[in-house]
Amino acid sequence: MAAQEELNAPPQEPVPPSADVPPTSPKRNPAALFFVAAIVAALLFVGFHAARRSSNGSDPLDPTGKAAPDFTLQTLDGKNVTLSSLRGKGVLLNFWATWCGPCKIEMPWFVELQKEYGPQGLQIVGVAMDDSSPQDIQTFVKEMGVNYPVLLGKEAVGQAYGGVDVLPTTFFIDRDGKIVAREFGLQSRSLFVDNIKKSLGE
């Protein structure tokens, strides 16, 4: 009889969770969050640079065809060099730093290219964009066997060239003082040669 009453009893309502007990949330892995944030930052960086390009593939901030901003900077021995004083030469203007690994790879190429194309009117100019002392830069330059002038860079000069956010950054300037090419980061030696020939009008 008791069993029969149990079967006929109305179903019981489920008991809601106590309001005093906060819902638990899954633990987040800090390493995973950092990884996701890094991916998002990289995608935003790529997207920003892609957005700067118009539908025909050109970059509205590309300085090609514009006059190279003039500047006066000091050499490692304290002499002033003005870019406009090199008018009539093809100029390879290389922004670099002593701590920059890719810069160390391309500098021996520049030494060779200065020897090869210097007689045809090429002048390579290095602009050191780091906080090392002139003495430390001089030591580095000697160790690398650099055979072209190295100048002590200033932030204002970097900004005049669109902000040198990537090192190395290299500009190729023709005999009339106009920029014919700009390259970010380490590029192939053959590309440098092609751009040098453009700067020389070949």
C-alpha atoms as a PDB file:
ATOM      1  CA  MET A   1       0.000   0.000   0.000  1.00  0.00           C
ATOM      2  CA  ALA A   2       2.835   2.384   0.881  1.00  0.00           C
ATOM      3  CA  ALA A   3       4.450   1.576  -2.428  1.00  0.00           C
ATOM      4  CA  GLN A   4       1.219   2.458  -4.237  1.00  0.00           C
ATOM      5  CA  GLU A   5       1.067   5.865  -2.479  1.00  0.00           C
ATOM      6  CA  GLU A   6       4.659   6.553  -3.494  1.00  0.00           C
ATOM      7  CA  LEU A   7       3.826   5.940  -7.163  1.00  0.00           C
ATOM      8  CA  ASN A   8       0.804   8.280  -7.022  1.00  0.00           C
ATOM      9  CA  ALA A   9       2.683  11.154  -5.317  1.00  0.00           C
ATOM     10  CA  PRO A  10       3.164  14.312  -7.468  1.00  0.00           C
ATOM     11  CA  PRO A  11       6.650  14.808  -8.934  1.00  0.00           C
ATOM     12  CA  GLN A  12       8.907  16.985  -6.803  1.00  0.00           C
ATOM     13  CA  GLU A  13      10.203  20.328  -8.124  1.00  0.00           C
ATOM     14  CA  PRO A  14      14.013  20.482  -8.661  1.00  0.00           C
ATOM     15  CA  VAL A  15      15.742  22.447  -5.916  1.00  0.00           C
ATOM     16  CA  PRO A  16      17.387  25.615  -7.367  1.00  0.00           C
ATOM     17  CA  PRO A  17      21.028  26.207  -6.489  1.00  0.00           C
ATOM     18  CA  SER A  18      21.606  28.361  -3.456  1.00  0.00           C
ATOM     19  CA  ALA A  19      21.988  32.058  -4.257  1.00  0.00           C
ATOM     20  CA  ASP A  20      24.834  32.185  -1.767  1.00  0.00           C
ATOM     21  CA  VAL A  21      27.037  29.897  -3.894  1.00  0.00           C
ATOM     22  CA  PRO A  22      28.613  31.822  -6.814  1.00  0.00           C
ATOM     23  CA  PRO A  23      28.812  30.016 -10.141  1.00  0.00           C
ATOM     24  CA  THR A  24      32.258  28.633 -10.846  1.00  0.00           C
ATOM     25  CA  SER A  25      34.097  29.820 -13.928  1.00  0.00           C
ATOM     26  CA  PRO A  26      36.704  27.806 -15.808  1.00  0.00           C
ATOM     27  CA  LYS A  27      40.272  28.714 -14.962  1.00  0.00           C
ATOM     28  CA  ARG A  28      42.137  30.619 -17.686  1.00  0.00           C
ATOM     29  CA  ASN A  29      45.653  29.640 -18.648  1.00  0.00           C
ATOM     30  CA  PRO A  30      47.821  32.827 -18.637  1.00  0.00           C
ATOM     31  CA  ALA A  31      50.141  31.363 -21.278  1.00  0.00           C
ATOM     32  CA  ALA A  32      47.206  30.642 -23.587  1.00  0.00           C
ATOM     33  CA  LEU A  33      45.843  34.163 -23.092  1.00  0.00           C
ATOM     34  CA  PHE A  34      49.260  35.645 -23.927  1.00  0.00           C
ATOM     35  CA  PHE A  35      49.482  33.476 -27.040  1.00  0.00           C
ATOM     36  CA  VAL A  36      46.031  34.589 -28.224  1.00  0.00           C
ATOM     37  CA  ALA A  37      46.877  38.238 -27.524  1.00  0.00           C
ATOM     38  CA  ALA A  38      50.094  37.916 -29.542  1.00  0.00           C
ATOM     39  CA  ILE A  39      48.196  36.435 -32.495  1.00  0.00           C
ATOM     40  CA  VAL A  40      45.585  39.218 -32.342  1.00  0.00           C
ATOM     41  CA  ALA A  41      48.333  41.868 -32.224  1.00  0.00           C
ATOM     42  CA  ALA A  42      50.069  40.307 -35.226  1.00  0.00           C
ATOM     43  CA  LEU A  43      46.828  40.197 -37.197  1.00  0.00           C
ATOM     44  CA  LEU A  44      46.109  43.834 -36.353  1.00  0.00           C
ATOM     45  CA  PHE A  45      49.619  44.808 -37.469  1.00  0.00           C
ATOM     46  CA  VAL A  46      49.241  42.992 -40.780  1.00  0.00           C
ATOM     47  CA  GLY A  47      45.751  44.374 -41.253  1.00  0.00           C
ATOM     48  CA  PHE A  48      46.911  47.923 -40.601  1.00  0.00           C
ATOM     49  CA  HIS A  49      49.629  47.723 -43.234  1.00  0.00           C
ATOM     50  CA  ALA A  50      47.276  46.022 -45.672  1.00  0.00           C
ATOM     51  CA  ALA A  51      44.720  48.775 -45.142  1.00  0.00           C
ATOM     52  CA  ARG A  52      47.333  51.356 -46.046  1.00  0.00           C
ATOM     53  CA  ARG A  53      47.485  49.922 -49.518  1.00  0.00           C
ATOM     54  CA  SER A  54      44.919  50.968 -52.075  1.00  0.00           C
ATOM     55  CA  SER A  55      43.144  48.600 -54.414  1.00  0.00           C
ATOM     56  CA  ASN A  56      45.880  48.887 -57.046  1.00  0.00           C
ATOM     57  CA  GLY A  57      48.509  47.748 -54.534  1.00  0.00           C
ATOM     58  CA  SER A  58      50.158  51.131 -53.951  1.00  0.00           C
ATOM     59  CA  ASP A  59      51.001  52.488 -50.511  1.00  0.00           C
ATOM     60  CA  PRO A  60      49.799  56.063 -49.949  1.00  0.00           C
ATOM     61  CA  LEU A  61      52.758  56.590 -47.599  1.00  0.00           C
ATOM     62  CA  ASP A  62      55.315  55.278 -50.096  1.00  0.00           C
ATOM     63  CA  PRO A  63      57.940  58.042 -50.544  1.00  0.00           C
ATOM     64  CA  THR A  64      59.077  56.804 -53.964  1.00  0.00           C
ATOM     65  CA  GLY A  65      59.322  59.703 -56.402  1.00  0.00           C
ATOM     66  CA  LYS A  66      59.460  62.325 -53.629  1.00  0.00           C
ATOM     67  CA  ALA A  67      62.449  64.450 -52.672  1.00  0.00           C
ATOM     68  CA  ALA A  68      64.540  62.882 -49.914  1.00  0.00           C
ATOM     69  CA  PRO A  69      64.291  65.031 -46.763  1.00  0.00           C
ATOM     70  CA  ASP A  70      67.529  66.912 -46.245  1.00  0.00           C
ATOM     71  CA  PHE A  71      69.424  66.640 -42.964  1.00  0.00           C
ATOM     72  CA  THR A  72      72.740  67.415 -41.328  1.00  0.00           C
ATOM     73  CA  LEU A  73      74.238  64.776 -39.037  1.00  0.00           C
ATOM     74  CA  GLN A  74      77.633  64.252 -37.448  1.00  0.00           C
ATOM     75  CA  THR A  75      80.118  61.589 -38.430  1.00  0.00           C
ATOM     76  CA  LEU A  76      81.796  59.486 -35.744  1.00  0.00           C
ATOM     77  CA  ASP A  77      84.724  61.935 -35.699  1.00  0.00           C
ATOM     78  CA  GLY A  78      82.495  64.985 -35.252  1.00  0.00           C
ATOM     79  CA  LYS A  79      82.258  66.313 -38.815  1.00  0.00           C
ATOM     80  CA  ASN A  80      78.933  67.456 -40.247  1.00  0.00           C
ATOM     81  CA  VAL A  81      77.498  65.774 -43.328  1.00  0.00           C
ATOM     82  CA  THR A  82      74.497  67.206 -45.178  1.00  0.00           C
ATOM     83  CA  LEU A  83      72.531  64.962 -47.510  1.00  0.00           C
ATOM     84  CA  SER A  84      72.109  67.708 -50.105  1.00  0.00           C
ATOM     85  CA  SER A  85      75.915  67.928 -50.404  1.00  0.00           C
ATOM     86  CA  LEU A  86      75.766  64.517 -52.104  1.00  0.00           C
ATOM     87  CA  ARG A  87      73.541  65.789 -54.928  1.00  0.00           C
ATOM     88  CA  GLY A  88      74.783  64.389 -58.230  1.00  0.00           C
ATOM     89  CA  LYS A  89      75.515  60.995 -56.667  1.00  0.00           C
ATOM     90  CA  GLY A  90      73.313  57.978 -56.210  1.00  0.00           C
ATOM     91  CA  VAL A  91      72.845  57.509 -52.462  1.00  0.00           C
ATOM     92  CA  LEU A  92      72.068  54.372 -50.491  1.00  0.00           C
ATOM     93  CA  LEU A  93      70.841  55.641 -47.105  1.00  0.00           C
ATOM     94  CA  ASN A  94      70.825  52.847 -44.539  1.00  0.00           C
ATOM     95  CA  PHE A  95      69.267  53.229 -41.067  1.00  0.00           C
ATOM     96  CA  TRP A  96      70.758  50.590 -38.767  1.00  0.00           C
ATOM     97  CA  ALA A  97      71.874  49.835 -35.196  1.00  0.00           C
ATOM     98  CA  THR A  98      74.749  47.964 -33.568  1.00  0.00           C
ATOM     99  CA  TRP A  99      72.316  45.506 -31.905  1.00  0.00           C
ATOM    100  CA  CYS A 100      70.509  44.739 -35.182  1.00  0.00           C
ATOM    101  CA  GLY A 101      71.257  41.192 -36.391  1.00  0.00           C
ATOM    102  CA  PRO A 102      70.073  41.646 -40.014  1.00  0.00           C
ATOM    103  CA  CYS A 103      72.178  44.826 -40.218  1.00  0.00           C
ATOM    104  CA  LYS A 104      75.302  42.777 -39.548  1.00  0.00           C
ATOM    105  CA  ILE A 105      74.409  40.494 -42.453  1.00  0.00           C
ATOM    106  CA  GLU A 106      73.968  43.244 -45.037  1.00  0.00           C
ATOM    107  CA  MET A 107      76.875  45.498 -44.018  1.00  0.00           C
ATOM    108  CA  PRO A 108      79.545  43.360 -45.741  1.00  0.00           C
ATOM    109  CA  TRP A 109      77.420  43.592 -48.908  1.00  0.00           C
ATOM    110  CA  PHE A 110      77.433  47.376 -48.615  1.00  0.00           C
ATOM    111  CA  VAL A 111      81.229  47.340 -48.267  1.00  0.00           C
ATOM    112  CA  GLU A 112      81.462  45.352 -51.515  1.00  0.00           C
ATOM    113  CA  LEU A 113      78.856  47.479 -53.284  1.00  0.00           C
ATOM    114  CA  GLN A 114      80.616  50.713 -52.310  1.00  0.00           C
ATOM    115  CA  LYS A 115      83.811  49.370 -53.888  1.00  0.00           C
ATOM    116  CA  GLU A 116      81.987  48.184 -57.005  1.00  0.00           C
ATOM    117  CA  TYR A 117      79.653  51.109 -57.663  1.00  0.00           C
ATOM    118  CA  GLY A 118      81.523  53.952 -55.942  1.00  0.00           C
ATOM    119  CA  PRO A 119      83.483  54.766 -59.128  1.00  0.00           C
ATOM    120  CA  GLN A 120      80.134  55.088 -60.941  1.00  0.00           C
ATOM    121  CA  GLY A 121      78.854  57.675 -58.461  1.00  0.00           C
ATOM    122  CA  LEU A 122      77.342  55.649 -55.602  1.00  0.00           C
ATOM    123  CA  GLN A 123      77.708  56.877 -52.045  1.00  0.00           C
ATOM    124  CA  ILE A 124      76.493  54.640 -49.237  1.00  0.00           C
ATOM    125  CA  VAL A 125      75.676  56.413 -45.968  1.00  0.00           C
ATOM    126  CA  GLY A 126      74.928  54.604 -42.722  1.00  0.00           C
ATOM    127  CA  VAL A 127      72.829  56.242 -40.006  1.00  0.00           C
ATOM    128  CA  ALA A 128      73.250  54.614 -36.579  1.00  0.00           C
ATOM    129  CA  MET A 129      69.893  54.700 -34.761  1.00  0.00           C
ATOM    130  CA  ASP A 130      70.844  53.331 -31.340  1.00  0.00           C
ATOM    131  CA  ASP A 131      72.002  54.667 -27.991  1.00  0.00           C
ATOM    132  CA  SER A 132      75.532  53.301 -28.119  1.00  0.00           C
ATOM    133  CA  SER A 133      78.340  55.801 -27.621  1.00  0.00           C
ATOM    134  CA  PRO A 134      80.240  57.095 -30.667  1.00  0.00           C
ATOM    135  CA  GLN A 135      83.264  55.139 -29.408  1.00  0.00           C
ATOM    136  CA  ASP A 136      81.300  51.869 -29.290  1.00  0.00           C
ATOM    137  CA  ILE A 137      79.857  52.507 -32.747  1.00  0.00           C
ATOM    138  CA  GLN A 138      83.336  53.325 -34.049  1.00  0.00           C
ATOM    139  CA  THR A 139      84.668  50.035 -32.658  1.00  0.00           C
ATOM    140  CA  PHE A 140      81.781  48.148 -34.272  1.00  0.00           C
ATOM    141  CA  VAL A 141      82.307  49.894 -37.616  1.00  0.00           C
ATOM    142  CA  LYS A 142      86.014  49.041 -37.621  1.00  0.00           C
ATOM    143  CA  GLU A 143      85.299  45.402 -36.818  1.00  0.00           C
ATOM    144  CA  MET A 144      82.857  45.260 -39.755  1.00  0.00           C
ATOM    145  CA  GLY A 145      85.384  46.878 -42.120  1.00  0.00           C
ATOM    146  CA  VAL A 146      82.928  49.634 -43.120  1.00  0.00           C
ATOM    147  CA  ASN A 147      84.299  51.811 -45.939  1.00  0.00           C
ATOM    148  CA  TYR A 148      81.515  54.415 -46.088  1.00  0.00           C
ATOM    149  CA  PRO A 149      80.544  57.275 -43.749  1.00  0.00           C
ATOM    150  CA  VAL A 150      78.516  56.403 -40.652  1.00  0.00           C
ATOM    151  CA  LEU A 151      76.476  59.180 -39.063  1.00  0.00           C
ATOM    152  CA  LEU A 152      74.970  59.500 -35.594  1.00  0.00           C
ATOM    153  CA  GLY A 153      71.219  59.366 -36.129  1.00  0.00           C
ATOM    154  CA  LYS A 154      68.529  61.516 -34.532  1.00  0.00           C
ATOM    155  CA  GLU A 155      64.886  60.662 -33.974  1.00  0.00           C
ATOM    156  CA  ALA A 156      63.835  63.763 -35.924  1.00  0.00           C
ATOM    157  CA  VAL A 157      65.635  62.487 -39.025  1.00  0.00           C
ATOM    158  CA  GLY A 158      63.953  59.098 -38.698  1.00  0.00           C
ATOM    159  CA  GLN A 159      60.569  60.814 -38.397  1.00  0.00           C
ATOM    160  CA  ALA A 160      61.317  62.910 -41.494  1.00  0.00           C
ATOM    161  CA  TYR A 161      61.673  59.619 -43.379  1.00  0.00           C
ATOM    162  CA  GLY A 162      58.304  58.341 -42.208  1.00  0.00           C
ATOM    163  CA  GLY A 163      59.410  56.895 -38.886  1.00  0.00           C
ATOM    164  CA  VAL A 164      62.098  54.240 -38.908  1.00  0.00           C
ATOM    165  CA  ASP A 165      60.212  51.553 -36.965  1.00  0.00           C
ATOM    166  CA  VAL A 166      62.022  48.647 -38.632  1.00  0.00           C
ATOM    167  CA  LEU A 167      65.778  48.213 -38.717  1.00  0.00           C
ATOM    168  CA  PRO A 168      67.398  48.036 -41.103  1.00  0.00           C
ATOM    169  CA  THR A 169      65.475  50.435 -43.335  1.00  0.00           C
ATOM    170  CA  THR A 170      67.173  51.484 -46.569  1.00  0.00           C
ATOM    171  CA  PHE A 171      66.381  54.323 -48.971  1.00  0.00           C
ATOM    172  CA  PHE A 172      67.791  54.627 -52.485  1.00  0.00           C
ATOM    173  CA  ILE A 173      68.115  58.218 -53.705  1.00  0.00           C
ATOM    174  CA  ASP A 174      68.888  59.256 -57.272  1.00  0.00           C
ATOM    175  CA  ARG A 175      71.319  61.903 -58.474  1.00  0.00           C
ATOM    176  CA  ASP A 176      68.561  64.549 -58.338  1.00  0.00           C
ATOM    177  CA  GLY A 177      67.794  63.842 -54.694  1.00  0.00           C
ATOM    178  CA  LYS A 178      64.590  61.871 -55.241  1.00  0.00           C
ATOM    179  CA  ILE A 179      63.787  58.576 -53.547  1.00  0.00           C
ATOM    180  CA  VAL A 180      63.596  55.757 -56.081  1.00  0.00           C
ATOM    181  CA  ALA A 181      63.080  52.846 -53.661  1.00  0.00           C
ATOM    182  CA  ARG A 182      62.639  51.979 -49.986  1.00  0.00           C
ATOM    183  CA  GLU A 183      63.255  48.583 -48.404  1.00  0.00           C
ATOM    184  CA  PHE A 184      62.332  47.369 -44.914  1.00  0.00           C
ATOM    185  CA  GLY A 185      64.399  44.719 -43.159  1.00  0.00           C
ATOM    186  CA  LEU A 186      66.968  42.403 -44.663  1.00  0.00           C
ATOM    187  CA  GLN A 187      66.596  42.031 -48.430  1.00  0.00           C
ATOM    188  CA  SER A 188      68.548  40.120 -51.046  1.00  0.00           C
ATOM    189  CA  ARG A 189      71.815  41.479 -52.367  1.00  0.00           C
ATOM    190  CA  SER A 190      70.437  41.327 -55.910  1.00  0.00           C
ATOM    191  CA  LEU A 191      67.546  43.609 -54.934  1.00  0.00           C
ATOM    192  CA  PHE A 192      70.010  46.109 -53.503  1.00  0.00           C
ATOM    193  CA  VAL A 193      71.946  46.010 -56.776  1.00  0.00           C
ATOM    194  CA  ASP A 194      68.768  46.647 -58.797  1.00  0.00           C
ATOM    195  CA  ASN A 195      67.899  49.641 -56.605  1.00  0.00           C
ATOM    196  CA  ILE A 196      71.458  50.994 -56.766  1.00  0.00           C
ATOM    197  CA  LYS A 197      71.247  50.917 -60.553  1.00  0.00           C
ATOM    198  CA  LYS A 198      67.985  52.880 -60.356  1.00  0.00           C
ATOM    199  CA  SER A 199      69.653  55.486 -58.138  1.00  0.00           C
ATOM    200  CA  LEU A 200      72.500  55.805 -60.634  1.00  0.00           C
ATOM    201  CA  GLY A 201      70.073  56.145 -63.541  1.00  0.00           C
ATOM    202  CA  GLU A 202      71.140  52.909 -65.209  1.00  0.00           C
END
